[in-house]
Amino acid sequence: MQCAPEPACELLPLRHFIKYKDYTRRMQDARTPFLTKRELAVARVKDAIMLGRYRPGQPLRQVQLMADLDLGATPAREAVLELVAKGLLVHESHRGMRVAALDAERVRHVYSVRALLESEAARLSAGAATDAAIDRARRAVQAMKAALAGNELKKLSSADGRFHQALYEDADNPILLNLIEQMREQFPRYALWRSPGRVRQSIKEHERILERFALRDGPGTAKAVRQHILNGLDAFDAILHADGVR
């Protein structure tokens, strides 16, 4: 992917990607020991797409997924069906399966919905935030800084996920949180994580969010979250346009 010709869009090297089978086994242990084979297969394929192992528009075959991600035939088939239904994969007659292409207009719509949902979740959660949630958010920001210093994309993405989980968990609205998760799974976000300039800015925005969250300032946290998401949209839009995606 070619970024706009500014230093802020210099791509991080991909050598930090660890062996994927080892990563996903650790991912399973970290999440829960009770994932079914289908759930684990869905998580492995989805994470491979989200982190850029499989790129937008790339053709895929079920046998390739089985070999790359250490999956059995049935779990791989079930994962494909679920991710086609979610829109991350596309199956076309006579052309087979491929990763869904990025669409700039769709990305804008998703980010707009994210701004609405996540700012509301932040507002609700901040007012009721526990000390434990604030501490987890603070530690996640520190982990993001360490991951950026080490050019570790997976750790960066994981720390960002932990931050937002801590930020929204006290909203006490499981339907809202489920919708947020669905929106965050709509397209791969690795392009933003490979732009050091955007990552540095994003971490500053996380710190501003954390500042309001630690004060349990609902409106202030919501405002900071909304601005953070819209800033991400601007950065994503610039990358997509530089790459010729309209």
C-alpha atoms as a PDB file:
ATOM      1  CA  MET A   1       0.000   0.000   0.000  1.00  0.00           C
ATOM      2  CA  GLN A   2       1.377   3.420  -0.926  1.00  0.00           C
ATOM      3  CA  CYS A   3       0.806   6.216   1.540  1.00  0.00           C
ATOM      4  CA  ALA A   4       0.698   9.947   0.897  1.00  0.00           C
ATOM      5  CA  PRO A   5       4.238  11.359   0.497  1.00  0.00           C
ATOM      6  CA  GLU A   6       4.624  12.788   4.002  1.00  0.00           C
ATOM      7  CA  PRO A   7       6.945  11.504   6.718  1.00  0.00           C
ATOM      8  CA  ALA A   8       3.866  10.806   8.870  1.00  0.00           C
ATOM      9  CA  CYS A   9       2.880   8.015   6.483  1.00  0.00           C
ATOM     10  CA  GLU A  10       6.222   6.159   6.410  1.00  0.00           C
ATOM     11  CA  LEU A  11       5.363   2.460   6.623  1.00  0.00           C
ATOM     12  CA  LEU A  12       6.622   0.331   9.454  1.00  0.00           C
ATOM     13  CA  PRO A  13       8.487  -2.809   8.354  1.00  0.00           C
ATOM     14  CA  LEU A  14       6.570  -6.078   8.387  1.00  0.00           C
ATOM     15  CA  ARG A  15       9.448  -8.100   9.893  1.00  0.00           C
ATOM     16  CA  HIS A  16       7.863  -7.805  13.328  1.00  0.00           C
ATOM     17  CA  PHE A  17       5.132 -10.260  12.353  1.00  0.00           C
ATOM     18  CA  ILE A  18       5.689 -13.424  14.398  1.00  0.00           C
ATOM     19  CA  LYS A  19       4.786 -16.898  13.242  1.00  0.00           C
ATOM     20  CA  TYR A  20       1.037 -16.775  12.909  1.00  0.00           C
ATOM     21  CA  LYS A  21       0.205 -20.195  14.326  1.00  0.00           C
ATOM     22  CA  ASP A  22       2.124 -19.411  17.515  1.00  0.00           C
ATOM     23  CA  TYR A  23       0.380 -16.049  17.818  1.00  0.00           C
ATOM     24  CA  THR A  24      -3.101 -17.465  17.442  1.00  0.00           C
ATOM     25  CA  ARG A  25      -2.446 -20.209  19.974  1.00  0.00           C
ATOM     26  CA  ARG A  26      -1.374 -17.565  22.475  1.00  0.00           C
ATOM     27  CA  MET A  27      -4.428 -15.517  21.493  1.00  0.00           C
ATOM     28  CA  GLN A  28      -6.676 -18.466  22.320  1.00  0.00           C
ATOM     29  CA  ASP A  29      -5.056 -18.934  25.724  1.00  0.00           C
ATOM     30  CA  ALA A  30      -5.349 -15.207  26.502  1.00  0.00           C
ATOM     31  CA  ARG A  31      -9.009 -14.983  25.614  1.00  0.00           C
ATOM     32  CA  THR A  32     -10.570 -18.143  26.940  1.00  0.00           C
ATOM     33  CA  PRO A  33      -9.849 -21.891  27.080  1.00  0.00           C
ATOM     34  CA  PHE A  34     -13.431 -22.585  25.963  1.00  0.00           C
ATOM     35  CA  LEU A  35     -13.398 -21.422  22.328  1.00  0.00           C
ATOM     36  CA  THR A  36     -14.984 -23.939  19.969  1.00  0.00           C
ATOM     37  CA  LYS A  37     -13.074 -24.981  16.858  1.00  0.00           C
ATOM     38  CA  ARG A  38     -15.411 -22.822  14.767  1.00  0.00           C
ATOM     39  CA  GLU A  39     -14.936 -19.780  17.018  1.00  0.00           C
ATOM     40  CA  LEU A  40     -11.160 -20.194  16.969  1.00  0.00           C
ATOM     41  CA  ALA A  41     -11.172 -20.536  13.174  1.00  0.00           C
ATOM     42  CA  VAL A  42     -13.265 -17.370  12.805  1.00  0.00           C
ATOM     43  CA  ALA A  43     -10.905 -15.486  15.144  1.00  0.00           C
ATOM     44  CA  ARG A  44      -7.793 -16.642  13.273  1.00  0.00           C
ATOM     45  CA  VAL A  45      -9.082 -15.739   9.810  1.00  0.00           C
ATOM     46  CA  LYS A  46     -10.548 -12.426  11.001  1.00  0.00           C
ATOM     47  CA  ASP A  47      -7.310 -11.412  12.743  1.00  0.00           C
ATOM     48  CA  ALA A  48      -5.277 -12.367   9.663  1.00  0.00           C
ATOM     49  CA  ILE A  49      -7.436  -9.955   7.643  1.00  0.00           C
ATOM     50  CA  MET A  50      -7.485  -7.204  10.284  1.00  0.00           C
ATOM     51  CA  LEU A  51      -3.712  -7.245  10.659  1.00  0.00           C
ATOM     52  CA  GLY A  52      -2.956  -7.278   6.939  1.00  0.00           C
ATOM     53  CA  ARG A  53      -1.748 -10.858   6.429  1.00  0.00           C
ATOM     54  CA  TYR A  54      -4.454 -11.111   3.787  1.00  0.00           C
ATOM     55  CA  ARG A  55      -4.923  -7.848   1.890  1.00  0.00           C
ATOM     56  CA  PRO A  56      -8.101  -6.285   0.462  1.00  0.00           C
ATOM     57  CA  GLY A  57      -9.033  -7.934  -2.839  1.00  0.00           C
ATOM     58  CA  GLN A  58      -6.625 -10.846  -2.329  1.00  0.00           C
ATOM     59  CA  PRO A  59      -7.938 -14.199  -3.653  1.00  0.00           C
ATOM     60  CA  LEU A  60      -8.168 -16.920  -1.006  1.00  0.00           C
ATOM     61  CA  ARG A  61      -8.838 -20.627  -1.076  1.00  0.00           C
ATOM     62  CA  GLN A  62     -10.071 -22.729   1.809  1.00  0.00           C
ATOM     63  CA  VAL A  63      -7.053 -25.031   1.509  1.00  0.00           C
ATOM     64  CA  GLN A  64      -4.787 -21.979   1.852  1.00  0.00           C
ATOM     65  CA  LEU A  65      -6.509 -20.942   5.082  1.00  0.00           C
ATOM     66  CA  MET A  66      -6.167 -24.481   6.415  1.00  0.00           C
ATOM     67  CA  ALA A  67      -2.416 -24.523   5.727  1.00  0.00           C
ATOM     68  CA  ASP A  68      -1.641 -20.946   6.793  1.00  0.00           C
ATOM     69  CA  LEU A  69      -3.665 -20.907   9.999  1.00  0.00           C
ATOM     70  CA  ASP A  70      -3.555 -24.559  11.051  1.00  0.00           C
ATOM     71  CA  LEU A  71      -7.288 -25.155  10.602  1.00  0.00           C
ATOM     72  CA  GLY A  72      -9.309 -28.271   9.912  1.00  0.00           C
ATOM     73  CA  ALA A  73     -11.555 -28.469   6.868  1.00  0.00           C
ATOM     74  CA  THR A  74     -14.862 -28.081   8.714  1.00  0.00           C
ATOM     75  CA  PRO A  75     -13.828 -25.145  10.960  1.00  0.00           C
ATOM     76  CA  ALA A  76     -12.247 -23.401   7.948  1.00  0.00           C
ATOM     77  CA  ARG A  77     -15.445 -23.807   5.910  1.00  0.00           C
ATOM     78  CA  GLU A  78     -17.591 -22.534   8.800  1.00  0.00           C
ATOM     79  CA  ALA A  79     -15.268 -19.546   9.312  1.00  0.00           C
ATOM     80  CA  VAL A  80     -15.510 -18.644   5.632  1.00  0.00           C
ATOM     81  CA  LEU A  81     -19.313 -18.761   5.707  1.00  0.00           C
ATOM     82  CA  GLU A  82     -19.461 -16.532   8.810  1.00  0.00           C
ATOM     83  CA  LEU A  83     -16.988 -13.977   7.477  1.00  0.00           C
ATOM     84  CA  VAL A  84     -18.748 -13.840   4.112  1.00  0.00           C
ATOM     85  CA  ALA A  85     -21.939 -13.045   6.045  1.00  0.00           C
ATOM     86  CA  LYS A  86     -20.079 -10.296   7.953  1.00  0.00           C
ATOM     87  CA  GLY A  87     -18.691  -8.814   4.731  1.00  0.00           C
ATOM     88  CA  LEU A  88     -14.985  -9.399   5.404  1.00  0.00           C
ATOM     89  CA  LEU A  89     -14.843 -12.066   2.697  1.00  0.00           C
ATOM     90  CA  VAL A  90     -16.614 -12.114  -0.668  1.00  0.00           C
ATOM     91  CA  HIS A  91     -17.581 -15.219  -2.655  1.00  0.00           C
ATOM     92  CA  GLU A  92     -18.339 -14.767  -6.353  1.00  0.00           C
ATOM     93  CA  SER A  93     -19.572 -17.389  -8.797  1.00  0.00           C
ATOM     94  CA  HIS A  94     -16.845 -18.576 -11.193  1.00  0.00           C
ATOM     95  CA  ARG A  95     -14.253 -16.386  -9.408  1.00  0.00           C
ATOM     96  CA  GLY A  96     -14.039 -17.967  -5.991  1.00  0.00           C
ATOM     97  CA  MET A  97     -13.382 -16.247  -2.688  1.00  0.00           C
ATOM     98  CA  ARG A  98     -11.420 -13.092  -1.934  1.00  0.00           C
ATOM     99  CA  VAL A  99     -10.911 -10.595   0.843  1.00  0.00           C
ATOM    100  CA  ALA A 100     -13.427  -7.762   0.548  1.00  0.00           C
ATOM    101  CA  ALA A 101     -11.994  -4.685  -1.150  1.00  0.00           C
ATOM    102  CA  LEU A 102     -11.838  -1.391   0.729  1.00  0.00           C
ATOM    103  CA  ASP A 103     -14.463   1.162  -0.220  1.00  0.00           C
ATOM    104  CA  ALA A 104     -13.797   4.740   0.871  1.00  0.00           C
ATOM    105  CA  GLU A 105     -17.468   5.670   1.153  1.00  0.00           C
ATOM    106  CA  ARG A 106     -18.231   2.600   3.261  1.00  0.00           C
ATOM    107  CA  VAL A 107     -15.274   3.392   5.536  1.00  0.00           C
ATOM    108  CA  ARG A 108     -16.654   6.913   6.055  1.00  0.00           C
ATOM    109  CA  HIS A 109     -20.081   5.555   6.934  1.00  0.00           C
ATOM    110  CA  VAL A 110     -18.631   3.057   9.403  1.00  0.00           C
ATOM    111  CA  TYR A 111     -16.515   5.720  11.097  1.00  0.00           C
ATOM    112  CA  SER A 112     -19.502   8.034  11.357  1.00  0.00           C
ATOM    113  CA  VAL A 113     -21.500   5.316  13.096  1.00  0.00           C
ATOM    114  CA  ARG A 114     -18.526   4.497  15.323  1.00  0.00           C
ATOM    115  CA  ALA A 115     -18.297   8.139  16.398  1.00  0.00           C
ATOM    116  CA  LEU A 116     -21.942   8.082  17.465  1.00  0.00           C
ATOM    117  CA  LEU A 117     -21.834   4.743  19.264  1.00  0.00           C
ATOM    118  CA  GLU A 118     -18.453   5.021  20.951  1.00  0.00           C
ATOM    119  CA  SER A 119     -18.898   8.585  22.182  1.00  0.00           C
ATOM    120  CA  GLU A 120     -22.173   7.524  23.848  1.00  0.00           C
ATOM    121  CA  ALA A 121     -20.548   4.454  25.397  1.00  0.00           C
ATOM    122  CA  ALA A 122     -17.716   6.644  26.696  1.00  0.00           C
ATOM    123  CA  ARG A 123     -20.178   9.119  28.189  1.00  0.00           C
ATOM    124  CA  LEU A 124     -22.095   6.398  29.996  1.00  0.00           C
ATOM    125  CA  SER A 125     -19.014   4.524  31.149  1.00  0.00           C
ATOM    126  CA  ALA A 126     -16.962   7.486  32.379  1.00  0.00           C
ATOM    127  CA  GLY A 127     -19.558   8.537  34.912  1.00  0.00           C
ATOM    128  CA  ALA A 128     -19.545   5.066  36.461  1.00  0.00           C
ATOM    129  CA  ALA A 129     -15.907   4.148  35.847  1.00  0.00           C
ATOM    130  CA  THR A 130     -14.221   1.970  38.440  1.00  0.00           C
ATOM    131  CA  ASP A 131     -10.673   2.533  39.614  1.00  0.00           C
ATOM    132  CA  ALA A 132      -9.789  -0.809  38.013  1.00  0.00           C
ATOM    133  CA  ALA A 133     -11.095   0.279  34.599  1.00  0.00           C
ATOM    134  CA  ILE A 134      -9.168   3.556  34.783  1.00  0.00           C
ATOM    135  CA  ASP A 135      -6.004   1.672  35.734  1.00  0.00           C
ATOM    136  CA  ARG A 136      -6.433  -0.778  32.826  1.00  0.00           C
ATOM    137  CA  ALA A 137      -6.912   2.106  30.408  1.00  0.00           C
ATOM    138  CA  ARG A 138      -3.784   3.796  31.746  1.00  0.00           C
ATOM    139  CA  ARG A 139      -1.716   0.613  31.412  1.00  0.00           C
ATOM    140  CA  ALA A 140      -3.017   0.103  27.868  1.00  0.00           C
ATOM    141  CA  VAL A 141      -1.766   3.547  26.838  1.00  0.00           C
ATOM    142  CA  GLN A 142       1.674   2.719  28.239  1.00  0.00           C
ATOM    143  CA  ALA A 143       1.622  -0.574  26.316  1.00  0.00           C
ATOM    144  CA  MET A 144       0.798   1.321  23.104  1.00  0.00           C
ATOM    145  CA  LYS A 145       3.834   3.542  23.630  1.00  0.00           C
ATOM    146  CA  ALA A 146       6.070   0.520  24.186  1.00  0.00           C
ATOM    147  CA  ALA A 147       4.679  -1.238  21.100  1.00  0.00           C
ATOM    148  CA  LEU A 148       5.319   1.827  18.940  1.00  0.00           C
ATOM    149  CA  ALA A 149       8.894   2.043  20.201  1.00  0.00           C
ATOM    150  CA  GLY A 150       9.400  -1.614  19.293  1.00  0.00           C
ATOM    151  CA  ASN A 151       7.575  -1.474  15.929  1.00  0.00           C
ATOM    152  CA  GLU A 152       5.278  -4.271  17.149  1.00  0.00           C
ATOM    153  CA  LEU A 153       2.038  -3.981  15.209  1.00  0.00           C
ATOM    154  CA  LYS A 154       0.173  -6.828  16.887  1.00  0.00           C
ATOM    155  CA  LYS A 155       0.962  -5.573  20.382  1.00  0.00           C
ATOM    156  CA  LEU A 156      -0.070  -2.074  19.359  1.00  0.00           C
ATOM    157  CA  SER A 157      -3.421  -3.294  18.050  1.00  0.00           C
ATOM    158  CA  SER A 158      -3.967  -5.451  21.136  1.00  0.00           C
ATOM    159  CA  ALA A 159      -3.209  -2.578  23.520  1.00  0.00           C
ATOM    160  CA  ASP A 160      -5.607  -0.311  21.624  1.00  0.00           C
ATOM    161  CA  GLY A 161      -8.321  -2.938  21.969  1.00  0.00           C
ATOM    162  CA  ARG A 162      -7.701  -3.212  25.718  1.00  0.00           C
ATOM    163  CA  PHE A 163      -7.902   0.565  26.066  1.00  0.00           C
ATOM    164  CA  HIS A 164     -11.279   0.797  24.376  1.00  0.00           C
ATOM    165  CA  GLN A 165     -12.601  -2.204  26.289  1.00  0.00           C
ATOM    166  CA  ALA A 166     -11.654  -0.569  29.605  1.00  0.00           C
ATOM    167  CA  LEU A 167     -13.105   2.715  28.394  1.00  0.00           C
ATOM    168  CA  TYR A 168     -16.544   1.331  27.517  1.00  0.00           C
ATOM    169  CA  GLU A 169     -17.032  -1.619  29.865  1.00  0.00           C
ATOM    170  CA  ASP A 170     -18.893   0.342  32.574  1.00  0.00           C
ATOM    171  CA  ALA A 171     -21.499   1.691  30.140  1.00  0.00           C
ATOM    172  CA  ASP A 172     -23.836  -1.075  31.358  1.00  0.00           C
ATOM    173  CA  ASN A 173     -25.400  -1.471  27.916  1.00  0.00           C
ATOM    174  CA  PRO A 174     -24.474  -4.809  26.286  1.00  0.00           C
ATOM    175  CA  ILE A 175     -26.398  -4.046  23.090  1.00  0.00           C
ATOM    176  CA  LEU A 176     -24.427  -0.831  22.592  1.00  0.00           C
ATOM    177  CA  LEU A 177     -21.132  -2.646  23.226  1.00  0.00           C
ATOM    178  CA  ASN A 178     -22.081  -5.394  20.782  1.00  0.00           C
ATOM    179  CA  LEU A 179     -22.835  -2.833  18.067  1.00  0.00           C
ATOM    180  CA  ILE A 180     -19.478  -1.162  18.705  1.00  0.00           C
ATOM    181  CA  GLU A 181     -17.697  -4.494  18.298  1.00  0.00           C
ATOM    182  CA  GLN A 182     -19.532  -5.128  15.033  1.00  0.00           C
ATOM    183  CA  MET A 183     -18.464  -1.749  13.663  1.00  0.00           C
ATOM    184  CA  ARG A 184     -14.838  -2.303  14.656  1.00  0.00           C
ATOM    185  CA  GLU A 185     -14.864  -5.555  12.657  1.00  0.00           C
ATOM    186  CA  GLN A 186     -16.123  -4.014   9.421  1.00  0.00           C
ATOM    187  CA  PHE A 187     -12.739  -3.514   7.737  1.00  0.00           C
ATOM    188  CA  PRO A 188      -8.997  -4.016   8.390  1.00  0.00           C
ATOM    189  CA  ARG A 189      -7.360  -1.233  10.416  1.00  0.00           C
ATOM    190  CA  TYR A 190      -3.728  -2.249   9.899  1.00  0.00           C
ATOM    191  CA  ALA A 191      -3.105   0.637   7.471  1.00  0.00           C
ATOM    192  CA  LEU A 192      -3.399   3.182  10.279  1.00  0.00           C
ATOM    193  CA  TRP A 193      -1.143   1.169  12.587  1.00  0.00           C
ATOM    194  CA  ARG A 194       1.565   1.116   9.901  1.00  0.00           C
ATOM    195  CA  SER A 195       1.710   4.925   9.819  1.00  0.00           C
ATOM    196  CA  PRO A 196       4.011   6.025  12.672  1.00  0.00           C
ATOM    197  CA  GLY A 197       2.833   9.616  12.422  1.00  0.00           C
ATOM    198  CA  ARG A 198      -0.796   8.611  12.871  1.00  0.00           C
ATOM    199  CA  VAL A 199       0.100   6.214  15.700  1.00  0.00           C
ATOM    200  CA  ARG A 200       1.943   8.951  17.609  1.00  0.00           C
ATOM    201  CA  GLN A 201      -1.013  11.288  17.181  1.00  0.00           C
ATOM    202  CA  SER A 202      -3.433   8.542  18.170  1.00  0.00           C
ATOM    203  CA  ILE A 203      -1.532   7.886  21.397  1.00  0.00           C
ATOM    204  CA  LYS A 204      -1.748  11.582  22.269  1.00  0.00           C
ATOM    205  CA  GLU A 205      -5.488  11.398  21.654  1.00  0.00           C
ATOM    206  CA  HIS A 206      -5.705   8.329  23.899  1.00  0.00           C
ATOM    207  CA  GLU A 207      -3.944  10.302  26.617  1.00  0.00           C
ATOM    208  CA  ARG A 208      -6.473  13.130  26.311  1.00  0.00           C
ATOM    209  CA  ILE A 209      -9.316  10.617  26.506  1.00  0.00           C
ATOM    210  CA  LEU A 210      -7.704   9.015  29.557  1.00  0.00           C
ATOM    211  CA  GLU A 211      -7.353  12.387  31.258  1.00  0.00           C
ATOM    212  CA  ARG A 212     -11.107  13.036  31.038  1.00  0.00           C
ATOM    213  CA  PHE A 213     -11.954   9.403  31.816  1.00  0.00           C
ATOM    214  CA  ALA A 214      -9.834   9.432  34.995  1.00  0.00           C
ATOM    215  CA  LEU A 215     -11.839  12.476  36.133  1.00  0.00           C
ATOM    216  CA  ARG A 216     -15.042  10.544  35.385  1.00  0.00           C
ATOM    217  CA  ASP A 217     -16.067  13.390  33.082  1.00  0.00           C
ATOM    218  CA  GLY A 218     -18.730  11.806  30.861  1.00  0.00           C
ATOM    219  CA  PRO A 219     -19.283  14.666  28.377  1.00  0.00           C
ATOM    220  CA  GLY A 220     -15.561  15.441  28.190  1.00  0.00           C
ATOM    221  CA  THR A 221     -14.651  11.796  27.567  1.00  0.00           C
ATOM    222  CA  ALA A 222     -17.345  11.513  24.896  1.00  0.00           C
ATOM    223  CA  LYS A 223     -16.071  14.626  23.119  1.00  0.00           C
ATOM    224  CA  ALA A 224     -12.481  13.360  23.151  1.00  0.00           C
ATOM    225  CA  VAL A 225     -13.528   9.936  21.835  1.00  0.00           C
ATOM    226  CA  ARG A 226     -15.580  11.436  19.018  1.00  0.00           C
ATOM    227  CA  GLN A 227     -12.666  13.651  17.936  1.00  0.00           C
ATOM    228  CA  HIS A 228     -10.275  10.692  18.091  1.00  0.00           C
ATOM    229  CA  ILE A 229     -12.480   8.617  15.782  1.00  0.00           C
ATOM    230  CA  LEU A 230     -13.007  11.451  13.304  1.00  0.00           C
ATOM    231  CA  ASN A 231      -9.254  12.118  13.245  1.00  0.00           C
ATOM    232  CA  GLY A 232      -8.774   8.441  12.428  1.00  0.00           C
ATOM    233  CA  LEU A 233     -11.249   8.771   9.572  1.00  0.00           C
ATOM    234  CA  ASP A 234      -9.305  11.719   8.146  1.00  0.00           C
ATOM    235  CA  ALA A 235      -6.071   9.718   8.297  1.00  0.00           C
ATOM    236  CA  PHE A 236      -7.680   6.631   6.776  1.00  0.00           C
ATOM    237  CA  ASP A 237      -9.279   8.717   4.029  1.00  0.00           C
ATOM    238  CA  ALA A 238      -5.900  10.208   3.111  1.00  0.00           C
ATOM    239  CA  ILE A 239      -4.305   6.750   2.904  1.00  0.00           C
ATOM    240  CA  LEU A 240      -7.141   5.336   0.787  1.00  0.00           C
ATOM    241  CA  HIS A 241      -7.050   8.264  -1.635  1.00  0.00           C
ATOM    242  CA  ALA A 242      -3.263   8.013  -1.926  1.00  0.00           C
ATOM    243  CA  ASP A 243      -3.733   4.358  -2.816  1.00  0.00           C
ATOM    244  CA  GLY A 244      -6.368   5.173  -5.440  1.00  0.00           C
ATOM    245  CA  VAL A 245      -9.379   3.910  -3.444  1.00  0.00           C
ATOM    246  CA  ARG A 246     -12.496   6.028  -3.997  1.00  0.00           C
END
